[in-house]
Amino acid sequence: MNIILLGPPGAGKGTQARHLVDTRGMLQLSTGDMLRDAKSSGTEMGKKVAAIMDAGKLVTDEIVIGLIEEKLSAESGAGFIFDGFPRTLAQADALSALLAKLGQSLHTVIEMRVDDDALVKRITGRFTCGDCGEVYHDETKPTAEDGKCDNCGSTNMVRRADDNEDSLRTRLMEYYKKTSPLIGYYYAKGDLRPVNGLADITEVQKSIEAILG
């Protein structure tokens, strides 16, 4: 089973992806993680990625698709979760062609719908554990002990520099310009399944589980 988690920055895609990894044994494919791994891998593809990133340039779709193909070909499990990819219609077409080439298919696209104002409030209170990646929030999910991760005990708590209202609204506008056309694209294909991304984390998990069966 291969799925795409689609939604704006802060919709909770990463949180839900980790839940599916833990409960279903699926493999999360985050383009950011893949690029960082490739950069330090020492492979030919990794050297190419490192050269582009070190020069401050954007990695091409062709290279990202190449990295995804490596993962799809090398890994196995209960399926893949595409988190942060595709972002554009061209990338969606490229992913569809790659899956067909490998004899695989896309099971569903889960759209995590959110209200912008509520999302801004959610994100500006968000922080994460710098060691294990567990996500917290000042109001809805504070740590049990101030400044200490419930999951691993680390005190390395991190807030993203761009988790402020101005930066977030800029990121949302960028998302709507580039990525929201994918909603219509996958709806037309009959793959799109919406969930309320602003519901309680457990409720979102239940909604996704019901879709996946």
Protein backbone atom coordinates (compact mmCIF):
# COMPACT_ATOMS: atom_id res chain seq x y z
CA MET A 1 0.00 0.00 0.00
CA ASN A 2 1.43 3.37 -1.08
CA ILE A 3 -0.17 6.61 0.08
CA ILE A 4 0.39 10.36 -0.16
CA LEU A 5 -0.21 12.71 2.76
CA LEU A 6 -1.26 16.03 1.30
CA GLY A 7 -1.76 19.26 3.22
CA PRO A 8 -0.24 22.66 4.02
CA PRO A 9 2.72 23.20 6.36
CA GLY A 10 1.76 22.33 9.92
CA ALA A 11 -1.28 20.20 9.00
CA GLY A 12 0.21 17.28 10.92
CA LYS A 13 1.48 15.13 8.06
CA GLY A 14 4.68 14.18 9.87
CA THR A 15 2.84 13.19 13.05
CA GLN A 16 0.42 10.97 11.16
CA ALA A 17 3.19 9.47 9.05
CA ARG A 18 5.08 8.44 12.20
CA HIS A 19 1.92 6.80 13.56
CA LEU A 20 1.53 4.74 10.38
CA VAL A 21 5.20 3.75 10.52
CA ASP A 22 4.78 2.58 14.13
CA THR A 23 1.44 0.81 13.75
CA ARG A 24 1.57 -0.57 10.21
CA GLY A 25 5.26 -0.93 9.48
CA MET A 26 5.03 1.45 6.53
CA LEU A 27 8.07 3.39 5.37
CA GLN A 28 8.02 7.19 5.35
CA LEU A 29 9.59 8.88 2.35
CA SER A 30 10.29 12.50 3.25
CA THR A 31 12.13 14.38 0.52
CA GLY A 32 14.00 16.47 3.09
CA ASP A 33 15.27 13.37 4.89
CA MET A 34 16.16 11.66 1.62
CA LEU A 35 18.18 14.63 0.43
CA ARG A 36 20.06 14.88 3.72
CA ASP A 37 20.77 11.13 3.69
CA ALA A 38 21.91 11.24 0.08
CA LYS A 39 24.20 14.19 0.72
CA SER A 40 26.11 12.25 3.36
CA SER A 41 25.97 8.84 1.65
CA GLY A 42 29.05 9.14 -0.54
CA THR A 43 27.24 7.54 -3.52
CA GLU A 44 27.37 9.04 -7.01
CA MET A 45 23.85 10.36 -6.59
CA GLY A 46 24.78 11.64 -3.14
CA LYS A 47 27.77 13.55 -4.49
CA LYS A 48 25.54 15.15 -7.11
CA VAL A 49 23.01 16.17 -4.46
CA ALA A 50 25.75 17.53 -2.17
CA ALA A 51 27.23 19.65 -4.97
CA ILE A 52 23.84 21.18 -5.80
CA MET A 53 22.86 21.82 -2.17
CA ASP A 54 26.27 23.23 -1.25
CA ALA A 55 25.94 25.67 -4.14
CA GLY A 56 22.61 26.82 -2.71
CA LYS A 57 20.66 25.57 -5.73
CA LEU A 58 17.40 23.64 -5.84
CA VAL A 59 17.61 19.91 -6.45
CA THR A 60 15.83 19.00 -9.68
CA ASP A 61 12.71 16.83 -9.87
CA GLU A 62 14.74 14.29 -11.85
CA ILE A 63 17.15 13.80 -8.95
CA VAL A 64 14.36 13.58 -6.36
CA ILE A 65 12.58 10.96 -8.47
CA GLY A 66 15.89 9.11 -8.76
CA LEU A 67 16.24 9.05 -4.97
CA ILE A 68 12.65 7.83 -4.58
CA GLU A 69 13.29 5.09 -7.15
CA GLU A 70 16.33 3.95 -5.14
CA LYS A 71 14.19 3.72 -1.99
CA LEU A 72 11.28 1.96 -3.68
CA SER A 73 13.64 -0.55 -5.28
CA ALA A 74 15.74 -1.23 -2.18
CA GLU A 75 13.22 -1.21 0.65
CA SER A 76 10.27 -3.44 1.38
CA GLY A 77 7.53 -3.44 3.97
CA ALA A 78 3.88 -2.64 4.30
CA GLY A 79 4.09 0.21 1.79
CA PHE A 80 5.35 3.75 1.47
CA ILE A 81 4.12 7.10 2.78
CA PHE A 82 5.01 10.03 0.54
CA ASP A 83 5.39 13.03 2.83
CA GLY A 84 6.20 16.34 1.15
CA PHE A 85 6.20 14.87 -2.35
CA PRO A 86 4.77 15.46 -4.87
CA ARG A 87 4.47 19.22 -4.54
CA THR A 88 3.59 20.06 -8.15
CA LEU A 89 1.60 18.54 -11.01
CA ALA A 90 4.82 17.74 -12.87
CA GLN A 91 6.09 15.80 -9.84
CA ALA A 92 2.75 13.98 -9.54
CA ASP A 93 3.01 12.85 -13.16
CA ALA A 94 6.63 11.76 -12.60
CA LEU A 95 5.67 9.78 -9.49
CA SER A 96 2.81 8.09 -11.34
CA ALA A 97 5.17 7.09 -14.15
CA LEU A 98 7.76 5.77 -11.66
CA LEU A 99 5.22 3.64 -9.79
CA ALA A 100 3.98 2.19 -13.08
CA LYS A 101 7.58 1.44 -14.12
CA LEU A 102 8.16 -0.46 -10.87
CA GLY A 103 4.87 -2.34 -11.10
CA GLN A 104 3.45 -0.50 -8.10
CA SER A 105 0.43 1.73 -7.62
CA LEU A 106 -0.92 4.51 -5.43
CA HIS A 107 -3.58 3.35 -2.97
CA THR A 108 -4.93 6.69 -1.83
CA VAL A 109 -4.16 10.37 -1.27
CA ILE A 110 -5.16 11.69 2.14
CA GLU A 111 -5.83 15.42 2.16
CA MET A 112 -5.47 16.94 5.62
CA ARG A 113 -7.84 19.91 5.48
CA VAL A 114 -7.27 22.85 7.81
CA ASP A 115 -8.49 26.38 8.50
CA ASP A 116 -5.67 28.88 7.98
CA ASP A 117 -6.29 30.99 11.09
CA ALA A 118 -6.58 27.92 13.31
CA LEU A 119 -3.46 26.50 11.70
CA VAL A 120 -1.48 29.67 12.46
CA LYS A 121 -2.46 29.37 16.11
CA ARG A 122 -1.44 25.71 16.14
CA ILE A 123 1.95 26.26 14.51
CA THR A 124 3.11 29.28 16.47
CA GLY A 125 2.84 27.20 19.67
CA ARG A 126 4.65 24.17 18.25
CA PHE A 127 8.04 22.84 19.36
CA THR A 128 9.85 19.54 18.92
CA CYS A 129 12.42 17.38 20.65
CA GLY A 130 15.70 17.95 18.84
CA ASP A 131 16.81 14.39 19.61
CA CYS A 132 13.86 12.09 18.85
CA GLY A 133 11.60 14.41 16.82
CA GLU A 134 8.54 14.15 19.10
CA VAL A 135 6.20 17.11 18.45
CA TYR A 136 4.69 19.22 21.26
CA HIS A 137 2.50 22.32 21.61
CA ASP A 138 2.30 25.01 24.27
CA GLU A 139 -1.48 24.61 24.67
CA THR A 140 -2.62 21.26 23.25
CA LYS A 141 0.35 18.98 23.96
CA PRO A 142 2.81 20.39 26.50
CA THR A 143 5.55 18.23 27.96
CA ALA A 144 4.67 16.57 31.29
CA GLU A 145 7.81 18.07 32.79
CA ASP A 146 8.71 21.57 31.64
CA GLY A 147 11.46 21.50 29.01
CA LYS A 148 11.88 17.70 29.05
CA CYS A 149 10.78 15.29 26.31
CA ASP A 150 8.20 12.75 27.47
CA ASN A 151 9.45 10.25 24.90
CA CYS A 152 13.24 10.19 25.36
CA GLY A 153 13.95 12.49 28.30
CA SER A 154 15.99 14.98 26.27
CA THR A 155 16.00 18.67 27.22
CA ASN A 156 16.92 19.68 23.66
CA MET A 157 13.67 21.41 22.72
CA VAL A 158 13.61 23.23 19.40
CA ARG A 159 11.31 25.80 17.79
CA ARG A 160 11.59 26.43 14.05
CA ALA A 161 12.72 29.96 13.28
CA ASP A 162 9.99 30.24 10.65
CA ASP A 163 7.21 29.10 13.00
CA ASN A 164 5.87 32.64 13.33
CA GLU A 165 2.72 34.13 11.81
CA ASP A 166 4.33 36.14 9.00
CA SER A 167 6.55 33.28 7.85
CA LEU A 168 3.73 30.76 8.11
CA ARG A 169 1.31 32.83 6.02
CA THR A 170 4.03 33.17 3.38
CA ARG A 171 4.53 29.39 3.40
CA LEU A 172 0.76 28.85 3.15
CA MET A 173 0.53 31.14 0.12
CA GLU A 174 3.38 29.22 -1.52
CA TYR A 175 1.58 25.95 -0.80
CA TYR A 176 -1.70 27.15 -2.29
CA LYS A 177 0.02 28.47 -5.41
CA LYS A 178 2.11 25.36 -6.13
CA THR A 179 0.60 22.37 -4.37
CA SER A 180 -3.14 22.88 -4.08
CA PRO A 181 -3.69 22.01 -7.78
CA LEU A 182 -2.82 18.45 -6.71
CA ILE A 183 -6.13 18.32 -4.83
CA GLY A 184 -8.04 18.62 -8.11
CA TYR A 185 -5.59 16.30 -9.87
CA TYR A 186 -6.08 13.43 -7.42
CA TYR A 187 -9.81 14.12 -7.02
CA ALA A 188 -10.22 13.65 -10.77
CA LYS A 189 -8.38 10.35 -10.51
CA GLY A 190 -10.69 9.22 -7.69
CA ASP A 191 -7.78 8.90 -5.25
CA LEU A 192 -8.50 11.82 -2.89
CA ARG A 193 -9.82 11.20 0.63
CA PRO A 194 -10.17 14.28 2.92
CA VAL A 195 -9.82 14.29 6.71
CA ASN A 196 -10.13 17.12 9.23
CA GLY A 197 -6.50 17.96 9.91
CA LEU A 198 -7.41 20.21 12.86
CA ALA A 199 -9.16 17.48 14.84
CA ASP A 200 -7.50 15.87 17.84
CA ILE A 201 -4.46 13.81 16.81
CA THR A 202 -6.17 10.57 17.84
CA GLU A 203 -9.31 11.46 15.87
CA VAL A 204 -7.23 12.17 12.77
CA GLN A 205 -5.50 8.81 13.24
CA LYS A 206 -8.89 7.06 13.41
CA SER A 207 -10.08 8.84 10.26
CA ILE A 208 -6.98 7.77 8.36
CA GLU A 209 -7.23 4.19 9.64
CA ALA A 210 -10.84 4.04 8.45
CA ILE A 211 -9.77 5.15 4.99
CA LEU A 212 -6.91 2.67 4.76
CA GLY A 213 -9.00 -0.22 6.12
